[in-house]
Amino acid sequence: MDSYGKHMFTPNVRTEQDKVGMGERYAQVYESRLRDPLDADARAFIESRDSFYMATVSETGWPYLQHRGGPAGFLKVLGPQQIGFADYRGNKQFISKGNLRADTRVSLFLMDYPRKARLKLIGHGTMIEASDDPELTKLLSTDGAAPAERLMTIDLVAMDWNCPKYITPRLTEAEIETALGPRLSALNTHIESLEARLDALDPDWKAKE
């Protein structure tokens, strides 16, 4: 894959970086920052997401940012530099799909709020109807997800891990349950033990509450 800076650090961006003395530093850092095909860390991160943000480019030149969500693992790694996901029924505006007809460039932002990590990906996207490719539909389907209406594959061009600064940790219900489950279980066991002792001392204690 290319260096992320090759596509993002344009002359105007470099001008702004130079104003604060960062232009040369970024140039040196990203000069050798060519990424190999997706490594194990990137693959694991991508395939553990339950949501991400995807931007496409409209024919009027405006970027369009959309949220995509599903069961953890619905975003899948299909190859060394290709990812894909099943697109579910939405509001039928078809803005992303329409934008891709004119410009295949997409940008993805993947967040892990509890661990304060984020991964940026850019590439060329293709979206087709699920009925057009049953084999790919099967490959991109995920247990617990809605039926796929469309299929999106993205040939990656570059990626970059972003710094964790200013990311506020957030937990999903499942993550909260995982984190607090053992403590709540222990607390319930302790309560049951105390109630059993009260029953032995005073069988009518509940009626007196």
N, C-alpha and C. Protein backbone atom coordinates (compact mmCIF):
# COMPACT_ATOMS: atom_id res chain seq x y z
N MET A 1 0.84 -1.20 0.00
CA MET A 1 0.00 0.00 0.00
C MET A 1 0.87 1.24 0.00
N ASP A 2 0.28 2.33 -0.42
CA ASP A 2 0.99 3.61 -0.45
C ASP A 2 1.14 4.17 0.96
N SER A 3 2.00 5.18 1.05
CA SER A 3 2.07 5.96 2.27
C SER A 3 0.82 6.84 2.35
N TYR A 4 0.23 6.92 3.53
CA TYR A 4 -0.96 7.75 3.71
C TYR A 4 -0.65 9.21 3.38
N GLY A 5 0.55 9.64 3.74
CA GLY A 5 0.95 11.02 3.49
C GLY A 5 1.03 11.37 2.01
N LYS A 6 1.31 10.39 1.16
CA LYS A 6 1.39 10.63 -0.27
C LYS A 6 0.08 11.20 -0.81
N HIS A 7 -1.02 10.76 -0.26
CA HIS A 7 -2.32 11.18 -0.75
C HIS A 7 -2.92 12.33 0.06
N MET A 8 -2.46 12.52 1.29
CA MET A 8 -3.07 13.52 2.15
C MET A 8 -2.24 14.79 2.34
N PHE A 9 -0.93 14.68 2.22
CA PHE A 9 -0.08 15.84 2.46
C PHE A 9 0.17 16.57 1.14
N THR A 10 -0.85 17.26 0.67
CA THR A 10 -0.78 18.02 -0.57
C THR A 10 0.05 19.28 -0.36
N PRO A 11 0.40 20.00 -1.43
CA PRO A 11 1.17 21.25 -1.27
C PRO A 11 0.52 22.24 -0.30
N ASN A 12 -0.78 22.39 -0.37
CA ASN A 12 -1.44 23.32 0.55
C ASN A 12 -1.40 22.83 1.98
N VAL A 13 -1.51 21.51 2.16
CA VAL A 13 -1.39 20.94 3.50
C VAL A 13 0.03 21.15 4.01
N ARG A 14 1.01 20.93 3.15
CA ARG A 14 2.41 21.12 3.55
C ARG A 14 2.67 22.57 3.94
N THR A 15 2.05 23.51 3.25
CA THR A 15 2.20 24.93 3.59
C THR A 15 1.74 25.19 5.02
N GLU A 16 0.59 24.60 5.37
CA GLU A 16 0.08 24.80 6.72
C GLU A 16 0.97 24.10 7.75
N GLN A 17 1.50 22.94 7.41
CA GLN A 17 2.39 22.23 8.32
C GLN A 17 3.68 23.02 8.55
N ASP A 18 4.17 23.63 7.47
CA ASP A 18 5.41 24.41 7.57
C ASP A 18 5.25 25.62 8.49
N LYS A 19 4.06 26.15 8.55
CA LYS A 19 3.82 27.33 9.40
C LYS A 19 4.08 27.04 10.86
N VAL A 20 3.92 25.78 11.25
CA VAL A 20 4.13 25.42 12.66
C VAL A 20 5.36 24.51 12.81
N GLY A 21 6.18 24.46 11.75
CA GLY A 21 7.42 23.72 11.83
C GLY A 21 7.29 22.22 11.78
N MET A 22 6.18 21.72 11.21
CA MET A 22 5.96 20.28 11.17
C MET A 22 6.11 19.67 9.79
N GLY A 23 6.24 20.48 8.77
CA GLY A 23 6.27 19.96 7.40
C GLY A 23 7.39 18.97 7.16
N GLU A 24 8.60 19.34 7.50
CA GLU A 24 9.75 18.47 7.26
C GLU A 24 9.68 17.21 8.12
N ARG A 25 9.22 17.40 9.33
CA ARG A 25 9.12 16.25 10.23
C ARG A 25 8.16 15.21 9.67
N TYR A 26 6.97 15.65 9.22
CA TYR A 26 6.01 14.71 8.65
C TYR A 26 6.54 14.11 7.35
N ALA A 27 7.25 14.91 6.56
CA ALA A 27 7.79 14.40 5.30
C ALA A 27 8.75 13.25 5.56
N GLN A 28 9.59 13.39 6.58
CA GLN A 28 10.55 12.34 6.91
C GLN A 28 9.86 11.10 7.48
N VAL A 29 8.89 11.34 8.34
CA VAL A 29 8.20 10.22 8.98
C VAL A 29 7.45 9.38 7.95
N TYR A 30 6.74 10.08 7.04
CA TYR A 30 5.88 9.35 6.09
C TYR A 30 6.62 8.92 4.82
N GLU A 31 7.83 9.39 4.63
CA GLU A 31 8.58 9.00 3.43
C GLU A 31 8.79 7.50 3.37
N SER A 32 9.07 6.92 4.52
CA SER A 32 9.31 5.47 4.56
C SER A 32 8.13 4.73 5.17
N ARG A 33 7.02 5.41 5.30
CA ARG A 33 5.87 4.81 5.96
C ARG A 33 4.96 4.12 4.94
N LEU A 34 5.55 3.29 4.12
CA LEU A 34 4.78 2.49 3.18
C LEU A 34 4.30 1.25 3.91
N ARG A 35 3.05 0.97 3.81
CA ARG A 35 2.48 -0.15 4.53
C ARG A 35 2.49 -1.41 3.67
N ASP A 36 2.86 -2.50 4.32
CA ASP A 36 2.70 -3.79 3.67
C ASP A 36 1.21 -4.12 3.64
N PRO A 37 0.82 -5.20 2.97
CA PRO A 37 -0.58 -5.63 3.07
C PRO A 37 -1.00 -5.76 4.53
N LEU A 38 -2.29 -5.71 4.78
CA LEU A 38 -2.82 -5.68 6.13
C LEU A 38 -2.15 -6.72 7.03
N ASP A 39 -1.58 -6.25 8.13
CA ASP A 39 -0.93 -7.16 9.06
C ASP A 39 -1.95 -7.70 10.06
N ALA A 40 -1.48 -8.54 10.95
CA ALA A 40 -2.37 -9.22 11.89
C ALA A 40 -3.10 -8.22 12.79
N ASP A 41 -2.40 -7.17 13.24
CA ASP A 41 -3.02 -6.18 14.12
C ASP A 41 -4.14 -5.44 13.40
N ALA A 42 -3.87 -5.02 12.15
CA ALA A 42 -4.88 -4.30 11.39
C ALA A 42 -6.08 -5.20 11.09
N ARG A 43 -5.81 -6.44 10.72
CA ARG A 43 -6.90 -7.38 10.43
C ARG A 43 -7.79 -7.58 11.65
N ALA A 44 -7.16 -7.80 12.80
CA ALA A 44 -7.93 -8.03 14.02
C ALA A 44 -8.75 -6.80 14.38
N PHE A 45 -8.16 -5.64 14.21
CA PHE A 45 -8.87 -4.40 14.52
C PHE A 45 -10.07 -4.21 13.61
N ILE A 46 -9.85 -4.39 12.31
CA ILE A 46 -10.92 -4.21 11.33
C ILE A 46 -12.07 -5.18 11.60
N GLU A 47 -11.75 -6.44 11.83
CA GLU A 47 -12.79 -7.46 11.93
C GLU A 47 -13.44 -7.53 13.31
N SER A 48 -13.02 -6.68 14.22
CA SER A 48 -13.69 -6.63 15.53
C SER A 48 -14.59 -5.41 15.66
N ARG A 49 -14.68 -4.60 14.60
CA ARG A 49 -15.52 -3.39 14.67
C ARG A 49 -17.00 -3.75 14.53
N ASP A 50 -17.84 -2.99 15.23
CA ASP A 50 -19.28 -3.11 15.03
C ASP A 50 -19.86 -1.86 14.37
N SER A 51 -18.98 -0.92 14.02
CA SER A 51 -19.42 0.26 13.28
C SER A 51 -18.20 0.99 12.74
N PHE A 52 -18.43 1.83 11.77
CA PHE A 52 -17.38 2.71 11.24
C PHE A 52 -18.05 3.85 10.49
N TYR A 53 -17.24 4.83 10.08
CA TYR A 53 -17.72 5.96 9.30
C TYR A 53 -17.08 5.91 7.92
N MET A 54 -17.86 6.15 6.90
CA MET A 54 -17.36 6.07 5.53
C MET A 54 -17.74 7.34 4.76
N ALA A 55 -16.75 7.93 4.12
CA ALA A 55 -16.99 9.13 3.32
C ALA A 55 -16.83 8.81 1.84
N THR A 56 -17.75 9.33 1.04
CA THR A 56 -17.65 9.28 -0.41
C THR A 56 -17.64 10.71 -0.94
N VAL A 57 -17.40 10.86 -2.24
CA VAL A 57 -17.31 12.18 -2.85
C VAL A 57 -18.49 12.38 -3.80
N SER A 58 -19.25 13.44 -3.59
CA SER A 58 -20.42 13.69 -4.45
C SER A 58 -20.00 14.37 -5.74
N GLU A 59 -20.91 14.37 -6.70
CA GLU A 59 -20.63 15.02 -7.99
C GLU A 59 -20.60 16.54 -7.87
N THR A 60 -21.08 17.07 -6.75
CA THR A 60 -20.99 18.51 -6.51
C THR A 60 -19.70 18.87 -5.76
N GLY A 61 -18.90 17.85 -5.47
CA GLY A 61 -17.63 18.09 -4.79
C GLY A 61 -17.69 18.01 -3.28
N TRP A 62 -18.89 17.86 -2.74
CA TRP A 62 -19.01 17.78 -1.29
C TRP A 62 -18.76 16.36 -0.80
N PRO A 63 -18.02 16.23 0.31
CA PRO A 63 -17.86 14.90 0.90
C PRO A 63 -19.16 14.51 1.59
N TYR A 64 -19.46 13.22 1.56
CA TYR A 64 -20.65 12.71 2.24
C TYR A 64 -20.21 11.64 3.21
N LEU A 65 -20.50 11.86 4.49
CA LEU A 65 -20.07 10.95 5.55
C LEU A 65 -21.27 10.17 6.06
N GLN A 66 -21.10 8.86 6.15
CA GLN A 66 -22.19 8.00 6.58
C GLN A 66 -21.70 6.97 7.59
N HIS A 67 -22.56 6.67 8.55
CA HIS A 67 -22.25 5.65 9.54
C HIS A 67 -22.72 4.29 9.04
N ARG A 68 -21.91 3.28 9.28
CA ARG A 68 -22.28 1.91 8.96
C ARG A 68 -22.11 1.07 10.22
N GLY A 69 -23.11 0.26 10.54
CA GLY A 69 -23.04 -0.56 11.74
C GLY A 69 -23.60 -1.95 11.51
N GLY A 70 -23.26 -2.85 12.40
CA GLY A 70 -23.72 -4.24 12.33
C GLY A 70 -23.11 -5.03 13.46
N PRO A 71 -23.32 -6.33 13.49
CA PRO A 71 -22.69 -7.16 14.52
C PRO A 71 -21.17 -7.07 14.40
N ALA A 72 -20.49 -7.19 15.53
CA ALA A 72 -19.03 -7.19 15.49
C ALA A 72 -18.53 -8.21 14.48
N GLY A 73 -17.66 -7.79 13.59
CA GLY A 73 -17.15 -8.69 12.57
C GLY A 73 -17.82 -8.55 11.22
N PHE A 74 -18.80 -7.63 11.11
CA PHE A 74 -19.49 -7.51 9.82
C PHE A 74 -18.59 -6.86 8.76
N LEU A 75 -17.57 -6.12 9.19
CA LEU A 75 -16.57 -5.60 8.26
C LEU A 75 -15.47 -6.66 8.16
N LYS A 76 -15.27 -7.18 6.96
CA LYS A 76 -14.41 -8.35 6.81
C LYS A 76 -13.19 -8.06 5.93
N VAL A 77 -12.10 -8.72 6.25
CA VAL A 77 -10.90 -8.66 5.42
C VAL A 77 -11.01 -9.76 4.37
N LEU A 78 -10.99 -9.38 3.10
CA LEU A 78 -11.16 -10.33 2.00
C LEU A 78 -9.84 -10.72 1.35
N GLY A 79 -8.82 -9.93 1.57
CA GLY A 79 -7.53 -10.21 0.96
C GLY A 79 -6.46 -9.31 1.55
N PRO A 80 -5.24 -9.38 1.06
CA PRO A 80 -4.13 -8.60 1.61
C PRO A 80 -4.39 -7.10 1.61
N GLN A 81 -5.18 -6.61 0.62
CA GLN A 81 -5.47 -5.19 0.54
C GLN A 81 -6.93 -4.94 0.18
N GLN A 82 -7.80 -5.83 0.60
CA GLN A 82 -9.22 -5.67 0.27
C GLN A 82 -10.08 -6.00 1.48
N ILE A 83 -11.09 -5.16 1.72
CA ILE A 83 -12.06 -5.40 2.76
C ILE A 83 -13.46 -5.30 2.15
N GLY A 84 -14.46 -5.73 2.89
CA GLY A 84 -15.82 -5.66 2.36
C GLY A 84 -16.84 -5.81 3.47
N PHE A 85 -18.07 -5.44 3.15
CA PHE A 85 -19.14 -5.58 4.12
C PHE A 85 -20.48 -5.68 3.40
N ALA A 86 -21.45 -6.26 4.08
CA ALA A 86 -22.81 -6.32 3.57
C ALA A 86 -23.53 -5.03 3.93
N ASP A 87 -24.21 -4.46 2.97
CA ASP A 87 -24.95 -3.22 3.18
C ASP A 87 -26.42 -3.58 3.39
N TYR A 88 -26.98 -3.13 4.50
CA TYR A 88 -28.34 -3.50 4.86
C TYR A 88 -29.36 -2.44 4.41
N ARG A 89 -30.62 -2.76 4.57
CA ARG A 89 -31.69 -1.84 4.15
C ARG A 89 -31.61 -0.55 4.97
N GLY A 90 -31.65 0.59 4.27
CA GLY A 90 -31.59 1.87 4.94
C GLY A 90 -32.76 2.75 4.56
N ASN A 91 -32.50 4.06 4.43
CA ASN A 91 -33.57 5.00 4.13
C ASN A 91 -33.80 5.19 2.63
N LYS A 92 -33.09 4.43 1.83
CA LYS A 92 -33.24 4.43 0.36
C LYS A 92 -32.90 5.78 -0.29
N GLN A 93 -31.98 6.52 0.34
CA GLN A 93 -31.47 7.73 -0.32
C GLN A 93 -30.38 7.38 -1.33
N PHE A 94 -29.63 6.30 -1.06
CA PHE A 94 -28.61 5.78 -1.97
C PHE A 94 -27.54 6.83 -2.32
N ILE A 95 -27.20 7.68 -1.37
CA ILE A 95 -26.20 8.72 -1.64
C ILE A 95 -24.82 8.11 -1.85
N SER A 96 -24.42 7.23 -0.95
CA SER A 96 -23.09 6.61 -1.10
C SER A 96 -23.02 5.81 -2.40
N LYS A 97 -24.05 5.02 -2.66
CA LYS A 97 -24.06 4.20 -3.87
C LYS A 97 -24.02 5.08 -5.12
N GLY A 98 -24.79 6.16 -5.13
CA GLY A 98 -24.78 7.06 -6.28
C GLY A 98 -23.44 7.75 -6.44
N ASN A 99 -22.83 8.17 -5.34
CA ASN A 99 -21.53 8.84 -5.42
C ASN A 99 -20.48 7.92 -6.04
N LEU A 100 -20.55 6.63 -5.71
CA LEU A 100 -19.55 5.69 -6.21
C LEU A 100 -19.64 5.49 -7.72
N ARG A 101 -20.77 5.82 -8.32
CA ARG A 101 -20.90 5.71 -9.77
C ARG A 101 -20.00 6.72 -10.48
N ALA A 102 -19.76 7.85 -9.84
CA ALA A 102 -18.95 8.90 -10.45
C ALA A 102 -17.52 8.93 -9.92
N ASP A 103 -17.34 8.53 -8.66
CA ASP A 103 -16.02 8.60 -8.04
C ASP A 103 -15.91 7.44 -7.05
N THR A 104 -14.98 6.54 -7.27
CA THR A 104 -14.88 5.33 -6.44
C THR A 104 -14.10 5.55 -5.15
N ARG A 105 -13.56 6.74 -4.95
CA ARG A 105 -12.74 6.98 -3.76
C ARG A 105 -13.59 7.00 -2.50
N VAL A 106 -13.11 6.30 -1.48
CA VAL A 106 -13.77 6.28 -0.19
C VAL A 106 -12.72 6.44 0.91
N SER A 107 -13.17 6.95 2.03
CA SER A 107 -12.32 7.09 3.21
C SER A 107 -13.07 6.52 4.40
N LEU A 108 -12.41 5.67 5.17
CA LEU A 108 -13.04 5.03 6.32
C LEU A 108 -12.34 5.44 7.60
N PHE A 109 -13.13 5.61 8.63
CA PHE A 109 -12.63 5.95 9.96
C PHE A 109 -13.15 4.88 10.91
N LEU A 110 -12.25 4.09 11.47
CA LEU A 110 -12.62 3.00 12.37
C LEU A 110 -12.21 3.37 13.79
N MET A 111 -13.16 3.28 14.73
CA MET A 111 -12.90 3.70 16.10
C MET A 111 -13.01 2.53 17.07
N ASP A 112 -12.11 2.54 18.05
CA ASP A 112 -12.23 1.65 19.22
C ASP A 112 -12.20 2.58 20.42
N TYR A 113 -13.37 2.99 20.90
CA TYR A 113 -13.45 3.99 21.96
C TYR A 113 -12.88 3.50 23.30
N PRO A 114 -13.17 2.27 23.73
CA PRO A 114 -12.62 1.85 25.02
C PRO A 114 -11.09 1.87 25.06
N ARG A 115 -10.47 1.49 23.94
CA ARG A 115 -9.00 1.44 23.91
C ARG A 115 -8.37 2.70 23.31
N LYS A 116 -9.20 3.66 22.97
CA LYS A 116 -8.75 4.94 22.42
C LYS A 116 -7.84 4.74 21.21
N ALA A 117 -8.33 3.95 20.26
CA ALA A 117 -7.57 3.67 19.04
C ALA A 117 -8.43 3.98 17.83
N ARG A 118 -7.78 4.43 16.74
CA ARG A 118 -8.51 4.69 15.50
C ARG A 118 -7.61 4.39 14.30
N LEU A 119 -8.26 3.87 13.28
CA LEU A 119 -7.55 3.48 12.07
C LEU A 119 -8.21 4.18 10.88
N LYS A 120 -7.39 4.84 10.06
CA LYS A 120 -7.89 5.52 8.87
C LYS A 120 -7.52 4.70 7.64
N LEU A 121 -8.47 4.52 6.75
CA LEU A 121 -8.27 3.75 5.52
C LEU A 121 -8.79 4.55 4.33
N ILE A 122 -8.09 4.49 3.21
CA ILE A 122 -8.61 5.05 1.98
C ILE A 122 -8.48 4.00 0.88
N GLY A 123 -9.39 4.05 -0.08
CA GLY A 123 -9.35 3.06 -1.15
C GLY A 123 -10.41 3.34 -2.19
N HIS A 124 -10.61 2.38 -3.06
CA HIS A 124 -11.59 2.48 -4.13
C HIS A 124 -12.69 1.46 -3.88
N GLY A 125 -13.93 1.96 -3.82
CA GLY A 125 -15.05 1.11 -3.46
C GLY A 125 -15.91 0.72 -4.64
N THR A 126 -16.48 -0.46 -4.54
CA THR A 126 -17.45 -0.97 -5.51
C THR A 126 -18.65 -1.51 -4.77
N MET A 127 -19.85 -1.10 -5.18
CA MET A 127 -21.07 -1.58 -4.54
C MET A 127 -21.97 -2.23 -5.58
N ILE A 128 -22.41 -3.43 -5.28
CA ILE A 128 -23.30 -4.16 -6.17
C ILE A 128 -24.51 -4.67 -5.40
N GLU A 129 -25.52 -5.13 -6.11
CA GLU A 129 -26.67 -5.74 -5.47
C GLU A 129 -26.28 -7.14 -4.98
N ALA A 130 -26.80 -7.51 -3.83
CA ALA A 130 -26.47 -8.82 -3.26
C ALA A 130 -26.90 -9.95 -4.19
N SER A 131 -28.00 -9.74 -4.90
CA SER A 131 -28.51 -10.78 -5.80
C SER A 131 -27.59 -11.03 -6.99
N ASP A 132 -26.67 -10.09 -7.26
CA ASP A 132 -25.76 -10.25 -8.39
C ASP A 132 -24.59 -11.18 -8.11
N ASP A 133 -24.33 -11.47 -6.84
CA ASP A 133 -23.18 -12.32 -6.50
C ASP A 133 -23.48 -13.13 -5.24
N PRO A 134 -24.15 -14.27 -5.40
CA PRO A 134 -24.52 -15.10 -4.24
C PRO A 134 -23.32 -15.55 -3.42
N GLU A 135 -22.20 -15.85 -4.08
CA GLU A 135 -21.03 -16.33 -3.35
C GLU A 135 -20.46 -15.23 -2.46
N LEU A 136 -20.37 -14.00 -2.99
CA LEU A 136 -19.87 -12.89 -2.18
C LEU A 136 -20.86 -12.55 -1.08
N THR A 137 -22.14 -12.69 -1.36
CA THR A 137 -23.16 -12.47 -0.33
C THR A 137 -22.94 -13.41 0.84
N LYS A 138 -22.70 -14.66 0.54
CA LYS A 138 -22.46 -15.65 1.59
C LYS A 138 -21.20 -15.30 2.37
N LEU A 139 -20.17 -14.85 1.66
CA LEU A 139 -18.90 -14.53 2.31
C LEU A 139 -19.02 -13.32 3.24
N LEU A 140 -19.85 -12.35 2.85
CA LEU A 140 -19.96 -11.12 3.63
C LEU A 140 -21.09 -11.15 4.65
N SER A 141 -21.87 -12.22 4.66
CA SER A 141 -22.96 -12.32 5.62
C SER A 141 -22.41 -12.60 7.02
N THR A 142 -23.14 -12.12 8.02
CA THR A 142 -22.72 -12.27 9.41
C THR A 142 -23.89 -12.76 10.24
N ASP A 143 -23.65 -13.73 11.10
CA ASP A 143 -24.70 -14.24 11.98
C ASP A 143 -25.28 -13.10 12.81
N GLY A 144 -26.60 -13.05 12.90
CA GLY A 144 -27.25 -12.03 13.70
C GLY A 144 -27.52 -10.74 12.97
N ALA A 145 -27.07 -10.63 11.72
CA ALA A 145 -27.26 -9.40 10.96
C ALA A 145 -28.50 -9.50 10.08
N ALA A 146 -28.96 -8.34 9.63
CA ALA A 146 -30.08 -8.31 8.70
C ALA A 146 -29.65 -8.87 7.35
N PRO A 147 -30.59 -9.27 6.50
CA PRO A 147 -30.23 -9.75 5.17
C PRO A 147 -29.52 -8.65 4.36
N ALA A 148 -28.51 -9.05 3.62
CA ALA A 148 -27.77 -8.09 2.81
C ALA A 148 -28.58 -7.67 1.59
N GLU A 149 -28.64 -6.38 1.33
CA GLU A 149 -29.28 -5.88 0.12
C GLU A 149 -28.24 -5.53 -0.93
N ARG A 150 -27.10 -5.03 -0.47
CA ARG A 150 -26.00 -4.67 -1.36
C ARG A 150 -24.69 -5.18 -0.77
N LEU A 151 -23.67 -5.24 -1.60
CA LEU A 151 -22.35 -5.68 -1.15
C LEU A 151 -21.33 -4.62 -1.51
N MET A 152 -20.46 -4.30 -0.57
CA MET A 152 -19.43 -3.29 -0.81
C MET A 152 -18.06 -3.90 -0.62
N THR A 153 -17.21 -3.77 -1.61
CA THR A 153 -15.81 -4.16 -1.47
C THR A 153 -14.95 -2.93 -1.67
N ILE A 154 -13.84 -2.87 -0.95
CA ILE A 154 -12.94 -1.72 -1.01
C ILE A 154 -11.52 -2.21 -1.22
N ASP A 155 -10.91 -1.78 -2.31
CA ASP A 155 -9.49 -2.06 -2.57
C ASP A 155 -8.68 -0.95 -1.92
N LEU A 156 -7.96 -1.30 -0.89
CA LEU A 156 -7.27 -0.29 -0.08
C LEU A 156 -6.06 0.29 -0.80
N VAL A 157 -5.86 1.58 -0.61
CA VAL A 157 -4.72 2.29 -1.19
C VAL A 157 -3.71 2.65 -0.11
N ALA A 158 -4.22 3.07 1.06
CA ALA A 158 -3.32 3.46 2.15
C ALA A 158 -4.07 3.36 3.47
N MET A 159 -3.31 3.31 4.54
CA MET A 159 -3.88 3.27 5.89
C MET A 159 -2.96 4.01 6.84
N ASP A 160 -3.53 4.40 7.97
CA ASP A 160 -2.71 5.10 8.97
C ASP A 160 -3.39 4.99 10.32
N TRP A 161 -2.61 4.63 11.34
CA TRP A 161 -3.11 4.64 12.71
C TRP A 161 -3.03 6.07 13.23
N ASN A 162 -4.12 6.52 13.86
CA ASN A 162 -4.15 7.89 14.37
C ASN A 162 -3.88 7.90 15.86
N CYS A 163 -3.43 9.04 16.38
CA CYS A 163 -3.09 9.13 17.80
C CYS A 163 -4.36 9.07 18.65
N PRO A 164 -4.24 8.64 19.91
CA PRO A 164 -5.41 8.48 20.78
C PRO A 164 -5.86 9.76 21.47
N LYS A 165 -5.17 10.85 21.21
CA LYS A 165 -5.46 12.10 21.92
C LYS A 165 -6.90 12.54 21.70
N TYR A 166 -7.54 12.94 22.77
CA TYR A 166 -8.90 13.49 22.78
C TYR A 166 -10.00 12.46 22.47
N ILE A 167 -9.67 11.19 22.43
CA ILE A 167 -10.72 10.17 22.26
C ILE A 167 -11.31 9.87 23.63
N THR A 168 -12.60 10.10 23.79
CA THR A 168 -13.28 9.81 25.05
C THR A 168 -13.70 8.35 25.08
N PRO A 169 -13.21 7.58 26.04
CA PRO A 169 -13.58 6.16 26.09
C PRO A 169 -15.09 5.99 26.25
N ARG A 170 -15.67 5.09 25.47
CA ARG A 170 -17.10 4.76 25.57
C ARG A 170 -17.24 3.24 25.48
N LEU A 171 -18.25 2.71 26.15
CA LEU A 171 -18.46 1.27 26.16
C LEU A 171 -19.85 0.95 25.63
N THR A 172 -19.96 -0.13 24.87
CA THR A 172 -21.26 -0.63 24.44
C THR A 172 -21.89 -1.39 25.60
N GLU A 173 -23.17 -1.74 25.47
CA GLU A 173 -23.83 -2.53 26.51
C GLU A 173 -23.12 -3.86 26.72
N ALA A 174 -22.70 -4.48 25.61
CA ALA A 174 -22.02 -5.77 25.73
C ALA A 174 -20.69 -5.62 26.46
N GLU A 175 -19.97 -4.54 26.18
CA GLU A 175 -18.68 -4.31 26.84
C GLU A 175 -18.86 -4.01 28.33
N ILE A 176 -19.92 -3.28 28.66
CA ILE A 176 -20.22 -3.01 30.07
C ILE A 176 -20.55 -4.30 30.80
N GLU A 177 -21.35 -5.14 30.13
CA GLU A 177 -21.72 -6.42 30.75
C GLU A 177 -20.50 -7.29 30.97
N THR A 178 -19.58 -7.29 29.99
CA THR A 178 -18.36 -8.08 30.12
C THR A 178 -17.50 -7.56 31.27
N ALA A 179 -17.42 -6.22 31.38
CA ALA A 179 -16.57 -5.62 32.40
C ALA A 179 -17.15 -5.78 33.81
N LEU A 180 -18.47 -5.64 33.93
CA LEU A 180 -19.09 -5.66 35.24
C LEU A 180 -19.71 -7.01 35.61
N GLY A 181 -19.86 -7.90 34.62
CA GLY A 181 -20.52 -9.17 34.87
C GLY A 181 -19.99 -9.95 36.06
N PRO A 182 -18.67 -10.19 36.14
CA PRO A 182 -18.13 -10.96 37.27
C PRO A 182 -18.41 -10.30 38.62
N ARG A 183 -18.31 -8.97 38.67
CA ARG A 183 -18.56 -8.27 39.94
C ARG A 183 -20.03 -8.37 40.33
N LEU A 184 -20.93 -8.20 39.36
CA LEU A 184 -22.36 -8.30 39.65
C LEU A 184 -22.73 -9.71 40.09
N SER A 185 -22.11 -10.70 39.44
CA SER A 185 -22.38 -12.09 39.82
C SER A 185 -21.94 -12.36 41.26
N ALA A 186 -20.75 -11.85 41.60
CA ALA A 186 -20.25 -12.03 42.96
C ALA A 186 -21.14 -11.31 43.97
N LEU A 187 -21.62 -10.12 43.59
CA LEU A 187 -22.49 -9.35 44.48
C LEU A 187 -23.82 -10.08 44.70
N ASN A 188 -24.38 -10.63 43.62
CA ASN A 188 -25.64 -11.37 43.76
C ASN A 188 -25.47 -12.60 44.64
N THR A 189 -24.33 -13.28 44.49
CA THR A 189 -24.06 -14.46 45.33
C THR A 189 -23.97 -14.06 46.80
N HIS A 190 -23.33 -12.92 47.05
CA HIS A 190 -23.20 -12.44 48.43
C HIS A 190 -24.57 -12.07 49.01
N ILE A 191 -25.41 -11.43 48.21
CA ILE A 191 -26.76 -11.06 48.66
C ILE A 191 -27.57 -12.30 48.98
N GLU A 192 -27.49 -13.31 48.11
CA GLU A 192 -28.22 -14.55 48.35
C GLU A 192 -27.76 -15.22 49.64
N SER A 193 -26.45 -15.14 49.90
CA SER A 193 -25.91 -15.72 51.13
C SER A 193 -26.45 -14.99 52.36
N LEU A 194 -26.49 -13.65 52.29
CA LEU A 194 -27.01 -12.86 53.41
C LEU A 194 -28.49 -13.13 53.63
N GLU A 195 -29.25 -13.26 52.53
CA GLU A 195 -30.68 -13.53 52.67
C GLU A 195 -30.92 -14.91 53.28
N ALA A 196 -30.07 -15.85 52.93
CA ALA A 196 -30.21 -17.20 53.51
C ALA A 196 -29.96 -17.15 55.02
N ARG A 197 -29.00 -16.35 55.45
CA ARG A 197 -28.72 -16.22 56.88
C ARG A 197 -29.88 -15.54 57.59
N LEU A 198 -30.47 -14.54 56.94
CA LEU A 198 -31.64 -13.87 57.53
C LEU A 198 -32.82 -14.82 57.65
N ASP A 199 -33.00 -15.67 56.61
CA ASP A 199 -34.08 -16.66 56.66
C ASP A 199 -33.93 -17.58 57.86
N ALA A 200 -32.68 -17.95 58.14
CA ALA A 200 -32.43 -18.85 59.26
C ALA A 200 -32.70 -18.17 60.60
N LEU A 201 -32.39 -16.87 60.67
CA LEU A 201 -32.58 -16.13 61.91
C LEU A 201 -34.04 -15.69 62.12
N ASP A 202 -34.68 -15.31 61.01
CA ASP A 202 -36.06 -14.81 61.10
C ASP A 202 -36.78 -15.10 59.79
N PRO A 203 -37.51 -16.22 59.70
CA PRO A 203 -38.19 -16.62 58.46
C PRO A 203 -39.16 -15.57 57.94
N ASP A 204 -39.65 -14.68 58.83
CA ASP A 204 -40.65 -13.69 58.41
C ASP A 204 -40.03 -12.31 58.12
N TRP A 205 -38.72 -12.24 57.95
CA TRP A 205 -38.09 -10.91 57.84
C TRP A 205 -38.55 -10.17 56.58
N LYS A 206 -38.84 -10.88 55.48
CA LYS A 206 -39.26 -10.21 54.27
C LYS A 206 -40.63 -9.55 54.45
N ALA A 207 -41.50 -10.16 55.24
CA ALA A 207 -42.83 -9.60 55.45
C ALA A 207 -42.77 -8.34 56.31
N LYS A 208 -41.69 -8.16 57.04
CA LYS A 208 -41.56 -7.00 57.93
C LYS A 208 -40.96 -5.78 57.22
N GLU A 209 -40.53 -5.95 55.96
CA GLU A 209 -39.88 -4.85 55.27
C GLU A 209 -40.86 -3.70 55.03
